């Protein structure tokens, strides 16, 4: 009997002595902890799947954004190269005028050039000349007459 008491006291030291009549056994507590761990693992798995889906979506959105920005930069780069060529043409023509006999200025009518504006006001003559010069259309002694506002 003494030996049995020693075994029970060792078990109580190891497991803990029951404090009340409503005491829950260690095996039941262990099962409850296992259920809680399984619930946490399931929640973690779901969170990881959701996080992975969000990150993939973010990466796709970001790569679409990067591609759009690249296309915009390509467009701007092309516009800049066209303007550089036009400026080189204008500066080359200004430094080295073409050798031709003196002739009166050629008059271009805006109706032939289909000059149209989106505003209700007629186009500014100097502005149209500048735009045509940059585009390389006007490089000589030209003048524009008859602004007909796109008619």
N, C-alpha and C. Protein backbone atom coordinates (compact mmCIF):
# COMPACT_ATOMS: atom_id res chain seq x y z
N UNK A 1 0.82 -1.18 0.00
CA UNK A 1 0.00 0.00 0.00
C UNK A 1 0.87 1.25 0.00
N UNK A 2 1.89 1.20 0.71
CA UNK A 2 2.84 2.31 0.78
C UNK A 2 3.45 2.56 -0.61
N UNK A 3 3.69 1.51 -1.26
CA UNK A 3 4.27 1.61 -2.60
C UNK A 3 3.27 2.26 -3.56
N UNK A 4 2.00 1.95 -3.41
CA UNK A 4 0.96 2.53 -4.24
C UNK A 4 0.83 4.03 -3.97
N UNK A 5 0.93 4.45 -2.71
CA UNK A 5 0.88 5.87 -2.37
C UNK A 5 2.05 6.61 -2.99
N UNK A 6 3.21 5.99 -3.00
CA UNK A 6 4.38 6.64 -3.60
C UNK A 6 4.18 6.83 -5.11
N UNK A 7 3.61 5.83 -5.75
CA UNK A 7 3.35 5.95 -7.19
C UNK A 7 2.34 7.07 -7.48
N UNK A 8 1.27 7.13 -6.67
CA UNK A 8 0.27 8.18 -6.85
C UNK A 8 0.89 9.55 -6.60
N UNK A 9 1.71 9.68 -5.59
CA UNK A 9 2.34 10.97 -5.30
C UNK A 9 3.29 11.37 -6.43
N UNK A 10 4.00 10.41 -7.03
CA UNK A 10 4.86 10.73 -8.18
C UNK A 10 4.01 11.20 -9.37
N UNK A 11 2.89 10.52 -9.59
CA UNK A 11 1.99 10.94 -10.67
C UNK A 11 1.43 12.34 -10.40
N UNK A 12 1.05 12.60 -9.14
CA UNK A 12 0.54 13.93 -8.80
C UNK A 12 1.62 14.98 -8.99
N UNK A 13 2.84 14.65 -8.64
CA UNK A 13 3.94 15.60 -8.86
C UNK A 13 4.15 15.87 -10.35
N UNK A 14 4.03 14.82 -11.13
CA UNK A 14 4.26 14.95 -12.57
C UNK A 14 3.09 15.63 -13.28
N UNK A 15 1.88 15.17 -13.01
CA UNK A 15 0.68 15.66 -13.69
C UNK A 15 0.08 16.84 -12.95
N UNK A 16 0.12 16.81 -11.69
CA UNK A 16 -0.51 17.83 -10.87
C UNK A 16 -1.69 17.23 -10.14
N UNK A 17 -1.87 17.67 -8.94
CA UNK A 17 -2.95 17.13 -8.11
C UNK A 17 -4.26 17.77 -8.52
N UNK A 18 -5.36 17.01 -8.56
CA UNK A 18 -6.66 17.60 -8.87
C UNK A 18 -7.04 18.61 -7.80
N UNK A 19 -7.49 19.79 -8.25
CA UNK A 19 -7.80 20.86 -7.30
C UNK A 19 -9.25 20.85 -6.86
N UNK A 20 -10.17 20.49 -7.75
CA UNK A 20 -11.60 20.49 -7.41
C UNK A 20 -12.24 19.23 -7.94
N UNK A 21 -13.51 19.12 -7.66
CA UNK A 21 -14.25 17.97 -8.18
C UNK A 21 -14.52 18.12 -9.68
N UNK A 22 -14.48 19.38 -10.19
CA UNK A 22 -14.72 19.63 -11.62
C UNK A 22 -13.42 19.54 -12.43
N UNK A 23 -12.44 18.92 -11.89
CA UNK A 23 -11.14 18.83 -12.55
C UNK A 23 -11.25 18.05 -13.86
N UNK A 24 -10.52 18.53 -14.87
CA UNK A 24 -10.50 17.89 -16.18
C UNK A 24 -9.23 17.06 -16.26
N UNK A 25 -9.39 15.88 -16.76
CA UNK A 25 -8.22 15.01 -16.82
C UNK A 25 -7.23 15.50 -17.87
N UNK A 26 -6.01 15.08 -17.72
CA UNK A 26 -4.94 15.50 -18.61
C UNK A 26 -5.18 15.03 -20.04
N UNK A 27 -5.72 13.88 -20.23
CA UNK A 27 -5.97 13.37 -21.59
C UNK A 27 -7.02 14.21 -22.30
N UNK A 28 -8.04 14.65 -21.57
CA UNK A 28 -9.07 15.51 -22.18
C UNK A 28 -8.48 16.86 -22.55
N UNK A 29 -7.64 17.42 -21.66
CA UNK A 29 -6.98 18.69 -21.98
C UNK A 29 -6.09 18.53 -23.21
N UNK A 30 -5.42 17.41 -23.30
CA UNK A 30 -4.55 17.14 -24.44
C UNK A 30 -5.37 17.09 -25.73
N UNK A 31 -6.53 16.46 -25.71
CA UNK A 31 -7.40 16.40 -26.88
C UNK A 31 -7.91 17.79 -27.26
N UNK A 32 -8.25 18.61 -26.25
CA UNK A 32 -8.70 19.97 -26.53
C UNK A 32 -7.59 20.79 -27.19
N UNK A 33 -6.37 20.62 -26.69
CA UNK A 33 -5.23 21.34 -27.28
C UNK A 33 -4.98 20.87 -28.72
N UNK A 34 -5.13 19.57 -28.95
CA UNK A 34 -4.97 19.06 -30.32
C UNK A 34 -6.00 19.67 -31.27
N UNK A 35 -7.25 19.78 -30.80
CA UNK A 35 -8.30 20.39 -31.62
C UNK A 35 -8.00 21.86 -31.91
N UNK A 36 -7.52 22.58 -30.88
CA UNK A 36 -7.18 23.99 -31.06
C UNK A 36 -6.02 24.15 -32.05
N UNK A 37 -5.03 23.26 -31.94
CA UNK A 37 -3.89 23.32 -32.86
C UNK A 37 -4.35 23.03 -34.28
N UNK A 38 -5.24 22.05 -34.45
CA UNK A 38 -5.76 21.74 -35.79
C UNK A 38 -6.52 22.94 -36.36
N UNK A 39 -7.30 23.63 -35.52
CA UNK A 39 -8.04 24.82 -35.96
C UNK A 39 -7.07 25.92 -36.37
N UNK A 40 -6.02 26.13 -35.57
CA UNK A 40 -5.01 27.15 -35.90
C UNK A 40 -4.29 26.81 -37.20
N UNK A 41 -3.95 25.54 -37.38
CA UNK A 41 -3.27 25.14 -38.62
C UNK A 41 -4.17 25.37 -39.83
N UNK A 42 -5.45 25.06 -39.70
CA UNK A 42 -6.39 25.27 -40.80
C UNK A 42 -6.51 26.77 -41.12
N UNK A 43 -6.62 27.59 -40.07
CA UNK A 43 -6.71 29.04 -40.28
C UNK A 43 -5.44 29.56 -40.94
N UNK A 44 -4.30 29.04 -40.52
CA UNK A 44 -3.02 29.46 -41.10
C UNK A 44 -2.94 29.06 -42.57
N UNK A 45 -3.36 27.85 -42.91
CA UNK A 45 -3.37 27.39 -44.30
C UNK A 45 -4.25 28.29 -45.17
N UNK A 46 -5.43 28.62 -44.66
CA UNK A 46 -6.35 29.49 -45.41
C UNK A 46 -5.74 30.88 -45.60
N UNK A 47 -5.11 31.39 -44.55
CA UNK A 47 -4.49 32.72 -44.64
C UNK A 47 -3.35 32.71 -45.66
N UNK A 48 -2.55 31.65 -45.66
CA UNK A 48 -1.43 31.57 -46.61
C UNK A 48 -1.96 31.52 -48.04
N UNK A 49 -3.04 30.76 -48.29
CA UNK A 49 -3.62 30.70 -49.64
C UNK A 49 -4.12 32.08 -50.06
N UNK A 50 -4.83 32.75 -49.17
CA UNK A 50 -5.36 34.08 -49.47
C UNK A 50 -4.22 35.08 -49.72
N UNK A 51 -3.19 35.02 -48.89
CA UNK A 51 -2.04 35.90 -49.03
C UNK A 51 -1.34 35.65 -50.36
N UNK A 52 -1.18 34.38 -50.72
CA UNK A 52 -0.54 34.03 -51.97
C UNK A 52 -1.34 34.57 -53.16
N UNK A 53 -2.65 34.42 -53.10
CA UNK A 53 -3.50 34.94 -54.19
C UNK A 53 -3.39 36.46 -54.29
N UNK A 54 -3.39 37.14 -53.16
CA UNK A 54 -3.27 38.61 -53.18
C UNK A 54 -1.92 39.04 -53.74
N UNK A 55 -0.85 38.36 -53.34
CA UNK A 55 0.48 38.71 -53.83
C UNK A 55 0.59 38.48 -55.33
N UNK A 56 0.04 37.37 -55.82
CA UNK A 56 0.07 37.11 -57.26
C UNK A 56 -0.70 38.19 -58.01
N UNK A 57 -1.85 38.59 -57.47
CA UNK A 57 -2.63 39.65 -58.10
C UNK A 57 -1.86 40.96 -58.10
N UNK A 58 -1.21 41.27 -57.00
CA UNK A 58 -0.40 42.49 -56.91
C UNK A 58 0.75 42.47 -57.92
N UNK A 59 1.40 41.33 -58.04
CA UNK A 59 2.52 41.20 -58.97
C UNK A 59 2.03 41.38 -60.40
N UNK A 60 0.88 40.78 -60.74
CA UNK A 60 0.31 40.95 -62.08
C UNK A 60 -0.03 42.41 -62.35
N UNK A 61 -0.68 43.06 -61.37
CA UNK A 61 -1.02 44.48 -61.53
C UNK A 61 0.23 45.32 -61.71
N UNK A 62 1.25 45.03 -60.92
CA UNK A 62 2.48 45.80 -61.00
C UNK A 62 3.18 45.59 -62.34
N UNK A 63 3.20 44.36 -62.84
CA UNK A 63 3.85 44.13 -64.13
C UNK A 63 3.06 44.79 -65.26
N UNK A 64 1.72 44.81 -65.17
CA UNK A 64 0.92 45.54 -66.16
C UNK A 64 1.25 47.03 -66.10
N UNK A 65 1.38 47.57 -64.89
CA UNK A 65 1.73 48.98 -64.72
C UNK A 65 3.10 49.27 -65.33
N UNK A 66 4.06 48.39 -65.06
CA UNK A 66 5.42 48.58 -65.59
C UNK A 66 5.39 48.55 -67.12
N UNK A 67 4.64 47.61 -67.70
CA UNK A 67 4.54 47.54 -69.16
C UNK A 67 3.90 48.80 -69.74
N UNK A 68 2.88 49.32 -69.07
CA UNK A 68 2.23 50.55 -69.52
C UNK A 68 3.20 51.72 -69.47
N UNK A 69 3.96 51.82 -68.39
CA UNK A 69 4.94 52.90 -68.26
C UNK A 69 6.01 52.76 -69.34
N UNK A 70 6.45 51.53 -69.61
CA UNK A 70 7.45 51.32 -70.67
C UNK A 70 6.91 51.80 -72.02
N UNK A 71 5.66 51.46 -72.32
CA UNK A 71 5.05 51.89 -73.58
C UNK A 71 4.97 53.42 -73.64
N UNK A 72 4.60 54.04 -72.52
CA UNK A 72 4.53 55.51 -72.48
C UNK A 72 5.90 56.12 -72.73
N UNK A 73 6.94 55.54 -72.11
CA UNK A 73 8.29 56.05 -72.31
C UNK A 73 8.74 55.85 -73.76
N UNK A 74 8.37 54.73 -74.36
CA UNK A 74 8.72 54.52 -75.77
C UNK A 74 8.06 55.58 -76.65
N UNK A 75 6.79 55.87 -76.36
CA UNK A 75 6.10 56.90 -77.13
C UNK A 75 6.74 58.27 -76.96
N UNK A 76 7.08 58.61 -75.73
CA UNK A 76 7.74 59.89 -75.46
C UNK A 76 9.10 59.92 -76.13
N UNK A 77 9.83 58.81 -76.08
CA UNK A 77 11.14 58.73 -76.71
C UNK A 77 11.03 58.94 -78.22
N UNK A 78 10.01 58.34 -78.83
CA UNK A 78 9.81 58.53 -80.27
C UNK A 78 9.48 59.99 -80.59
N UNK A 79 8.62 60.60 -79.77
CA UNK A 79 8.27 62.01 -79.99
C UNK A 79 9.50 62.90 -79.86
N UNK A 80 10.33 62.61 -78.87
CA UNK A 80 11.55 63.41 -78.67
C UNK A 80 12.49 63.24 -79.85
N UNK A 81 12.63 62.01 -80.35
CA UNK A 81 13.53 61.79 -81.49
C UNK A 81 13.01 62.52 -82.73
N UNK A 82 11.68 62.54 -82.93
CA UNK A 82 11.12 63.28 -84.07
C UNK A 82 11.40 64.77 -83.91
N UNK A 83 11.21 65.29 -82.71
CA UNK A 83 11.48 66.71 -82.48
C UNK A 83 12.96 67.03 -82.66
N UNK A 84 13.84 66.13 -82.21
CA UNK A 84 15.28 66.36 -82.40
C UNK A 84 15.62 66.41 -83.89
N UNK A 85 15.05 65.48 -84.66
CA UNK A 85 15.32 65.49 -86.10
C UNK A 85 14.80 66.78 -86.74
N UNK A 86 13.61 67.20 -86.32
CA UNK A 86 13.05 68.43 -86.87
C UNK A 86 13.92 69.62 -86.51
N UNK A 87 14.40 69.67 -85.27
CA UNK A 87 15.27 70.77 -84.86
C UNK A 87 16.59 70.73 -85.62
N UNK A 88 17.13 69.53 -85.84
CA UNK A 88 18.36 69.43 -86.61
C UNK A 88 18.13 69.92 -88.04
N UNK A 89 16.98 69.56 -88.62
CA UNK A 89 16.66 70.00 -89.97
C UNK A 89 16.54 71.52 -90.03
N UNK A 90 15.83 72.08 -89.05
CA UNK A 90 15.63 73.53 -89.03
C UNK A 90 16.96 74.24 -88.82
N UNK A 91 17.76 73.76 -87.87
CA UNK A 91 19.04 74.43 -87.61
C UNK A 91 19.98 74.25 -88.79
N UNK A 92 19.96 73.09 -89.44
CA UNK A 92 20.81 72.88 -90.62
C UNK A 92 20.37 73.80 -91.76
N UNK A 93 19.07 73.94 -91.95
CA UNK A 93 18.55 74.82 -93.00
C UNK A 93 18.87 76.28 -92.68
N UNK A 94 18.81 76.64 -91.40
CA UNK A 94 19.11 78.03 -91.02
C UNK A 94 20.58 78.34 -91.22
N UNK A 95 21.46 77.37 -90.90
CA UNK A 95 22.90 77.60 -91.06
C UNK A 95 23.33 77.49 -92.52
N UNK A 96 22.73 76.61 -93.27
CA UNK A 96 23.09 76.38 -94.67
C UNK A 96 21.84 76.52 -95.54
N UNK A 97 21.45 77.74 -95.85
CA UNK A 97 20.24 77.92 -96.67
C UNK A 97 20.46 77.33 -98.06
N UNK A 98 19.41 76.83 -98.65
CA UNK A 98 19.55 76.24 -99.99
C UNK A 98 19.91 77.32 -101.01
N UNK A 99 20.73 76.95 -101.99
CA UNK A 99 21.15 77.89 -103.04
C UNK A 99 20.13 77.83 -104.17
N UNK A 100 19.33 78.84 -104.23
CA UNK A 100 18.36 78.93 -105.31
C UNK A 100 18.20 80.40 -105.67
N UNK A 101 17.77 80.63 -106.86
CA UNK A 101 17.60 82.04 -107.25
C UNK A 101 16.51 82.69 -106.41
N UNK A 102 16.65 83.99 -106.28
CA UNK A 102 15.68 84.73 -105.48
C UNK A 102 14.30 84.63 -106.12
N UNK A 103 13.36 84.20 -105.32
CA UNK A 103 11.99 84.10 -105.81
C UNK A 103 11.07 84.70 -104.77
N UNK A 104 9.92 85.17 -105.20
CA UNK A 104 9.00 85.74 -104.21
C UNK A 104 8.51 84.65 -103.26
N UNK A 105 8.11 85.03 -102.04
CA UNK A 105 7.63 84.02 -101.09
C UNK A 105 6.41 83.29 -101.62
N UNK A 106 6.35 82.01 -101.34
CA UNK A 106 5.21 81.19 -101.75
C UNK A 106 4.11 81.38 -100.73
N UNK A 107 2.91 81.62 -101.22
CA UNK A 107 1.79 81.82 -100.30
C UNK A 107 0.98 80.53 -100.24
N UNK A 108 0.82 80.00 -99.05
CA UNK A 108 0.02 78.81 -98.84
C UNK A 108 -1.29 79.22 -98.20
N UNK A 109 -2.36 78.65 -98.65
CA UNK A 109 -3.64 78.94 -98.03
C UNK A 109 -3.94 77.87 -97.01
N UNK A 110 -4.42 78.31 -95.86
CA UNK A 110 -4.70 77.37 -94.78
C UNK A 110 -5.77 76.37 -95.17
N UNK A 111 -6.65 76.75 -96.10
CA UNK A 111 -7.69 75.80 -96.51
C UNK A 111 -7.07 74.62 -97.24
N UNK A 112 -5.97 74.83 -97.96
CA UNK A 112 -5.30 73.72 -98.62
C UNK A 112 -4.57 72.82 -97.63
N UNK A 113 -4.14 73.40 -96.53
CA UNK A 113 -3.45 72.63 -95.50
C UNK A 113 -4.41 71.97 -94.54
N UNK A 114 -5.71 72.25 -94.68
CA UNK A 114 -6.74 71.70 -93.79
C UNK A 114 -6.42 72.03 -92.33
N UNK A 115 -6.14 73.31 -92.09
CA UNK A 115 -5.87 73.74 -90.73
C UNK A 115 -7.20 73.84 -90.02
N UNK A 116 -7.38 73.05 -89.01
CA UNK A 116 -8.63 73.05 -88.25
C UNK A 116 -8.29 73.18 -86.77
N UNK A 117 -9.13 73.89 -86.07
CA UNK A 117 -8.92 74.03 -84.64
C UNK A 117 -10.14 73.52 -83.91
N UNK A 118 -9.94 73.14 -82.68
CA UNK A 118 -11.04 72.64 -81.86
C UNK A 118 -11.76 73.78 -81.15
N UNK A 119 -11.12 74.94 -81.07
CA UNK A 119 -11.74 76.05 -80.36
C UNK A 119 -12.59 76.87 -81.33
N UNK A 120 -13.35 77.79 -80.78
CA UNK A 120 -14.21 78.64 -81.61
C UNK A 120 -13.42 79.79 -82.22
N UNK A 121 -12.22 80.06 -81.72
CA UNK A 121 -11.43 81.17 -82.21
C UNK A 121 -10.59 80.71 -83.41
N UNK A 122 -10.30 81.63 -84.33
CA UNK A 122 -9.47 81.24 -85.48
C UNK A 122 -8.05 80.92 -85.01
N UNK A 123 -7.32 80.10 -85.76
CA UNK A 123 -5.97 79.73 -85.34
C UNK A 123 -5.01 80.91 -85.42
N UNK A 124 -4.02 80.90 -84.59
CA UNK A 124 -3.00 81.93 -84.56
C UNK A 124 -2.00 81.66 -85.68
N UNK A 125 -1.77 82.64 -86.54
CA UNK A 125 -0.91 82.46 -87.71
C UNK A 125 0.51 82.07 -87.30
N UNK A 126 1.06 82.75 -86.31
CA UNK A 126 2.43 82.46 -85.88
C UNK A 126 2.54 81.05 -85.30
N UNK A 127 1.51 80.64 -84.60
CA UNK A 127 1.53 79.30 -83.98
C UNK A 127 1.48 78.21 -85.06
N UNK A 128 0.66 78.41 -86.10
CA UNK A 128 0.58 77.44 -87.19
C UNK A 128 1.90 77.38 -87.93
N UNK A 129 2.52 78.54 -88.19
CA UNK A 129 3.82 78.58 -88.87
C UNK A 129 4.87 77.84 -88.06
N UNK A 130 4.86 78.05 -86.76
CA UNK A 130 5.83 77.38 -85.89
C UNK A 130 5.62 75.87 -85.92
N UNK A 131 4.37 75.42 -85.84
CA UNK A 131 4.08 73.99 -85.85
C UNK A 131 4.51 73.37 -87.17
N UNK A 132 4.21 74.04 -88.28
CA UNK A 132 4.59 73.51 -89.58
C UNK A 132 6.10 73.51 -89.76
N UNK A 133 6.79 74.52 -89.22
CA UNK A 133 8.24 74.57 -89.31
C UNK A 133 8.86 73.43 -88.52
N UNK A 134 8.35 73.17 -87.32
CA UNK A 134 8.88 72.08 -86.51
C UNK A 134 8.66 70.75 -87.20
N UNK A 135 7.55 70.61 -87.88
CA UNK A 135 7.27 69.36 -88.60
C UNK A 135 8.09 69.26 -89.89
N UNK A 136 8.76 70.33 -90.28
CA UNK A 136 9.60 70.29 -91.47
C UNK A 136 8.85 70.64 -92.74
N UNK A 137 7.64 71.15 -92.61
CA UNK A 137 6.86 71.50 -93.80
C UNK A 137 7.32 72.86 -94.32
N UNK A 138 7.50 73.81 -93.42
CA UNK A 138 7.96 75.14 -93.83
C UNK A 138 9.43 75.28 -93.49
N UNK A 139 10.26 75.31 -94.50
CA UNK A 139 11.68 75.54 -94.24
C UNK A 139 12.20 76.70 -95.07
N UNK A 140 11.39 77.22 -95.94
CA UNK A 140 11.81 78.32 -96.80
C UNK A 140 11.02 79.58 -96.51
N UNK A 141 11.05 80.53 -97.42
CA UNK A 141 10.35 81.80 -97.22
C UNK A 141 8.87 81.68 -97.57
N UNK A 142 8.11 80.99 -96.74
CA UNK A 142 6.69 80.78 -96.98
C UNK A 142 5.87 81.69 -96.08
N UNK A 143 4.68 82.03 -96.53
CA UNK A 143 3.72 82.73 -95.68
C UNK A 143 2.39 82.01 -95.80
N UNK A 144 1.59 82.09 -94.77
CA UNK A 144 0.28 81.45 -94.77
C UNK A 144 -0.77 82.54 -94.80
N UNK A 145 -1.71 82.41 -95.70
CA UNK A 145 -2.79 83.39 -95.81
C UNK A 145 -4.12 82.66 -95.74
N UNK A 146 -5.19 83.43 -95.65
CA UNK A 146 -6.56 82.92 -95.73
C UNK A 146 -6.85 81.87 -94.65
N UNK A 147 -6.82 82.30 -93.41
CA UNK A 147 -7.24 81.40 -92.32
C UNK A 147 -8.75 81.29 -92.38
N UNK A 148 -9.24 80.14 -92.75
CA UNK A 148 -10.68 79.99 -92.90
C UNK A 148 -11.29 79.16 -91.78
N UNK A 149 -10.55 78.89 -90.75
CA UNK A 149 -11.04 78.18 -89.55
C UNK A 149 -11.63 76.82 -89.91
N UNK A 150 -10.94 76.07 -90.78
CA UNK A 150 -11.31 74.69 -91.04
C UNK A 150 -12.44 74.51 -92.03
N UNK A 151 -12.88 75.55 -92.70
CA UNK A 151 -13.97 75.41 -93.67
C UNK A 151 -13.45 74.93 -94.99
